[in-house]
Amino acid sequence: MSAGGKGTASPIRGLYAVLDPSVVLAGCKPEGTLDAALDAALGGGCRLVQYRDKAAPARLLLARARRFAGACREAGAAFVVNDRLDVALLAGADGCHLGQDDLPIPAARRISPPGFLLGASTHGAQEARRAEAEGADYVACGAVFPTGTKGDAVAPRGTALVSEVAGAVSVPVVAIAGITRANVSRVLRAGADAFAVISDLFAGNDVRERTREFLSLWETGTRAR
């Protein structure tokens, strides 16, 4: 699966659901809560999922990623693993999202199969252009709004950051940090092709309904461009 450009053929579009155990399992919920949350998002129509886990040991990361990859495959959704290229490849994921301190895109590309998605976290136009030049299939830009799910998040720059990055690259742009149903229309107007959501999607029991709301807002925002 390849991201291509900003056209509709790219899987990097619309709701980019970020499944994070620190949010989904808050309060020491059972492990199966993760799978139920993913199933609810997929059932609501989500077709792009990232597994983000900053705490689990490698063995658990891989076990979870394999389960999630299988569920996404059955639903026809793209599945991406955050940070860990080794886990993404072993789990049969469609791609890996890499931060500024992770493997460089060119190195990751050398050991990835054809069509494997590689995304890069960026904080401005300069980093975004470099990531695209190095072969990233898409770039994520943040922080857009304040967020509590990333302890080392940079200071939020608002939708001006989205506009800056969207105008600098030709690959899809994902807006990251603090995105909710209340502000997603703003990032879409600023030029985002996709928007990553953690808390406002998964911090609750109505994941399926929230997924549908986000997708409806995306469709409305896309038509308004």
Protein backbone atom coordinates (compact mmCIF):
# COMPACT_ATOMS: atom_id res chain seq x y z
CA MET A 1 0.00 0.00 0.00
CA SER A 2 1.49 3.32 -1.01
CA ALA A 3 0.44 6.79 0.08
CA GLY A 4 1.10 8.46 -3.24
CA GLY A 5 0.33 12.18 -3.28
CA LYS A 6 -2.53 14.20 -1.91
CA GLY A 7 -5.15 12.61 -4.13
CA THR A 8 -8.04 10.47 -3.00
CA ALA A 9 -6.06 7.27 -3.68
CA SER A 10 -3.93 7.91 -0.59
CA PRO A 11 -4.88 6.05 2.60
CA ILE A 12 -3.62 9.10 4.52
CA ARG A 13 -6.85 11.03 4.53
CA GLY A 14 -9.57 11.90 7.00
CA LEU A 15 -9.63 10.41 10.48
CA TYR A 16 -6.26 9.04 11.60
CA ALA A 17 -7.20 7.15 14.76
CA VAL A 18 -4.36 6.77 17.26
CA LEU A 19 -4.88 3.77 19.52
CA ASP A 20 -2.90 4.50 22.70
CA PRO A 21 -3.16 2.15 25.71
CA SER A 22 -2.41 5.03 28.10
CA VAL A 23 -5.77 6.50 27.09
CA VAL A 24 -7.83 3.40 26.29
CA LEU A 25 -6.71 1.37 29.32
CA ALA A 26 -6.75 4.28 31.80
CA GLY A 27 -8.02 2.98 35.13
CA CYS A 28 -6.45 -0.47 34.56
CA LYS A 29 -9.10 -1.76 32.21
CA PRO A 30 -8.75 -5.31 30.78
CA GLU A 31 -6.48 -5.90 27.78
CA GLY A 32 -9.49 -6.74 25.65
CA THR A 33 -10.64 -3.13 25.99
CA LEU A 34 -8.03 -2.19 23.39
CA ASP A 35 -9.42 -4.63 20.85
CA ALA A 36 -12.99 -3.52 21.59
CA ALA A 37 -12.05 0.12 21.08
CA LEU A 38 -10.35 -0.67 17.78
CA ASP A 39 -13.32 -2.74 16.61
CA ALA A 40 -15.65 0.13 17.49
CA ALA A 41 -13.59 2.63 15.49
CA LEU A 42 -13.42 0.28 12.51
CA GLY A 43 -17.13 -0.42 12.81
CA GLY A 44 -17.76 3.32 12.74
CA GLY A 45 -15.96 3.60 9.42
CA CYS A 46 -12.38 4.49 10.37
CA ARG A 47 -9.93 3.29 7.73
CA LEU A 48 -6.62 4.58 9.10
CA VAL A 49 -5.21 3.49 12.47
CA GLN A 50 -1.94 4.02 14.28
CA TYR A 51 -0.88 1.95 17.28
CA ARG A 52 1.05 4.23 19.63
CA ASP A 53 2.54 2.73 22.79
CA LYS A 54 5.35 4.38 24.73
CA ALA A 55 5.34 2.00 27.69
CA ALA A 56 4.83 -1.66 26.73
CA PRO A 57 7.81 -4.04 26.42
CA ALA A 58 8.70 -5.28 22.94
CA ARG A 59 7.02 -8.68 23.34
CA LEU A 60 3.68 -7.09 24.26
CA LEU A 61 4.06 -4.45 21.56
CA LEU A 62 4.41 -7.14 18.94
CA ALA A 63 1.54 -9.25 20.25
CA ARG A 64 -0.78 -6.26 20.23
CA ALA A 65 0.39 -5.03 16.86
CA ARG A 66 -0.26 -8.41 15.29
CA ARG A 67 -3.81 -8.46 16.64
CA PHE A 68 -4.50 -4.91 15.51
CA ALA A 69 -2.98 -5.50 12.08
CA GLY A 70 -5.28 -8.47 11.57
CA ALA A 71 -8.37 -6.53 12.61
CA CYS A 72 -7.49 -3.63 10.32
CA ARG A 73 -6.77 -5.96 7.43
CA GLU A 74 -10.20 -7.57 7.77
CA ALA A 75 -11.84 -4.13 7.80
CA GLY A 76 -9.85 -2.84 4.83
CA ALA A 77 -8.11 -0.22 6.97
CA ALA A 78 -4.47 0.89 6.82
CA PHE A 79 -2.52 0.07 9.98
CA VAL A 80 0.59 1.96 11.09
CA VAL A 81 2.86 1.41 14.10
CA ASN A 82 4.37 4.42 15.85
CA ASP A 83 8.17 4.64 16.26
CA ARG A 84 9.01 0.91 16.09
CA LEU A 85 9.83 -0.14 12.56
CA ASP A 86 10.87 -3.61 13.73
CA VAL A 87 7.48 -4.20 15.33
CA ALA A 88 5.65 -2.80 12.30
CA LEU A 89 7.47 -5.14 9.90
CA LEU A 90 7.10 -8.22 12.07
CA ALA A 91 3.41 -7.54 12.69
CA GLY A 92 2.60 -7.16 9.01
CA ALA A 93 1.61 -3.52 9.38
CA ASP A 94 1.08 -1.28 6.36
CA GLY A 95 3.50 1.32 7.63
CA CYS A 96 5.44 3.00 10.41
CA HIS A 97 5.35 6.54 11.73
CA LEU A 98 8.78 7.89 12.66
CA GLY A 99 9.66 10.80 14.93
CA GLN A 100 12.63 13.12 14.69
CA ASP A 101 14.66 10.88 17.01
CA ASP A 102 13.67 7.58 15.36
CA LEU A 103 15.32 5.88 12.38
CA PRO A 104 15.88 8.27 9.47
CA ILE A 105 13.45 7.80 6.59
CA PRO A 106 16.17 6.70 4.09
CA ALA A 107 17.44 4.01 6.49
CA ALA A 108 13.92 2.81 7.21
CA ARG A 109 13.14 2.68 3.50
CA ARG A 110 16.12 0.41 2.82
CA ILE A 111 14.71 -2.36 5.02
CA SER A 112 11.01 -1.88 4.24
CA PRO A 113 9.09 -3.78 1.56
CA PRO A 114 7.74 -2.04 -1.55
CA GLY A 115 4.64 0.02 -0.85
CA PHE A 116 5.31 0.23 2.88
CA LEU A 117 4.10 3.57 4.29
CA LEU A 118 6.61 5.75 6.09
CA GLY A 119 5.42 8.87 7.86
CA ALA A 120 7.48 11.53 9.61
CA SER A 121 6.73 13.87 12.50
CA THR A 122 7.60 17.47 11.69
CA HIS A 123 7.31 20.82 13.44
CA GLY A 124 7.51 23.21 10.53
CA ALA A 125 7.99 23.68 6.81
CA GLN A 126 11.73 23.04 6.83
CA GLU A 127 11.46 19.63 8.53
CA ALA A 128 8.48 18.74 6.34
CA ARG A 129 10.33 19.51 3.12
CA ARG A 130 13.32 17.49 4.30
CA ALA A 131 11.12 14.52 5.19
CA GLU A 132 9.46 14.60 1.78
CA ALA A 133 12.85 14.85 0.04
CA GLU A 134 14.05 11.84 2.03
CA GLY A 135 11.10 9.76 0.85
CA ALA A 136 8.37 10.11 3.47
CA ASP A 137 4.94 9.12 2.16
CA TYR A 138 3.29 11.66 4.42
CA VAL A 139 4.22 14.18 7.10
CA ALA A 140 2.55 14.92 10.41
CA CYS A 141 2.75 18.43 11.81
CA GLY A 142 2.30 19.44 15.41
CA ALA A 143 1.66 20.47 17.95
CA VAL A 144 -1.43 22.21 16.60
CA PHE A 145 -3.39 22.54 19.85
CA PRO A 146 -2.48 21.84 23.49
CA THR A 147 -2.50 18.13 24.36
CA GLY A 148 -2.14 16.03 27.47
CA THR A 149 -1.19 12.75 25.76
CA LYS A 150 2.35 13.70 24.80
CA GLY A 151 4.55 14.83 27.66
CA ASP A 152 7.33 16.19 25.43
CA ALA A 153 5.05 17.96 22.95
CA VAL A 154 6.37 21.20 21.50
CA ALA A 155 4.49 24.44 22.09
CA PRO A 156 1.27 24.49 20.03
CA ARG A 157 1.31 26.77 16.99
CA GLY A 158 -2.32 26.54 15.95
CA THR A 159 -3.67 26.15 12.47
CA ALA A 160 -0.97 28.47 11.07
CA LEU A 161 1.40 25.50 11.41
CA VAL A 162 -0.92 23.33 9.32
CA SER A 163 -1.14 25.95 6.59
CA GLU A 164 2.64 26.40 6.60
CA VAL A 165 3.35 22.69 6.21
CA ALA A 166 0.54 22.03 3.74
CA GLY A 167 1.93 24.78 1.52
CA ALA A 168 5.45 23.40 1.68
CA VAL A 169 4.97 19.77 0.59
CA SER A 170 3.08 17.72 -1.97
CA VAL A 171 2.62 14.60 0.19
CA PRO A 172 -0.39 14.28 2.53
CA VAL A 173 -0.27 16.32 5.75
CA VAL A 174 -1.62 15.01 9.06
CA ALA A 175 -2.46 17.53 11.79
CA ILE A 176 -1.52 16.33 15.27
CA ALA A 177 -2.20 17.30 18.89
CA GLY A 178 -5.33 18.36 20.69
CA ILE A 179 -7.71 17.75 17.81
CA THR A 180 -11.35 17.34 18.79
CA ARG A 181 -14.74 17.36 17.16
CA ALA A 182 -14.99 21.02 18.18
CA ASN A 183 -11.88 22.18 16.30
CA VAL A 184 -11.31 19.66 13.50
CA SER A 185 -13.01 21.88 10.94
CA ARG A 186 -10.32 24.50 11.56
CA VAL A 187 -7.46 22.14 10.69
CA LEU A 188 -9.27 21.01 7.56
CA ARG A 189 -9.73 24.62 6.42
CA ALA A 190 -6.01 25.13 7.06
CA GLY A 191 -5.17 22.41 4.54
CA ALA A 192 -4.78 19.18 6.51
CA ASP A 193 -5.43 16.00 4.53
CA ALA A 194 -5.88 13.98 7.72
CA PHE A 195 -6.11 14.58 11.45
CA ALA A 196 -4.80 12.40 14.27
CA VAL A 197 -7.08 11.89 17.25
CA ILE A 198 -6.48 10.07 20.52
CA SER A 199 -8.46 11.33 23.51
CA ASP A 200 -11.56 12.75 21.84
CA LEU A 201 -12.02 9.43 20.08
CA PHE A 202 -10.94 6.78 22.57
CA ALA A 203 -11.40 8.33 26.03
CA GLY A 204 -14.97 7.15 26.38
CA ASN A 205 -17.39 4.32 25.70
CA ASP A 206 -19.00 5.71 22.55
CA VAL A 207 -16.09 5.20 20.16
CA ARG A 208 -18.24 4.07 17.24
CA GLU A 209 -20.44 7.16 17.46
CA ARG A 210 -17.47 9.50 17.85
CA THR A 211 -15.84 7.90 14.82
CA ARG A 212 -18.93 8.59 12.75
CA GLU A 213 -19.02 12.18 13.98
CA PHE A 214 -15.40 12.78 13.00
CA LEU A 215 -15.93 11.23 9.58
CA SER A 216 -19.03 13.36 9.01
CA LEU A 217 -17.09 16.49 9.97
CA TRP A 218 -14.29 15.47 7.59
CA GLU A 219 -16.72 14.98 4.71
CA THR A 220 -18.32 18.37 5.40
CA GLY A 221 -14.95 20.05 5.69
CA THR A 222 -13.68 18.47 2.48
CA ARG A 223 -16.72 19.64 0.52
CA ALA A 224 -16.26 23.17 1.88
CA ARG A 225 -12.75 23.54 0.45
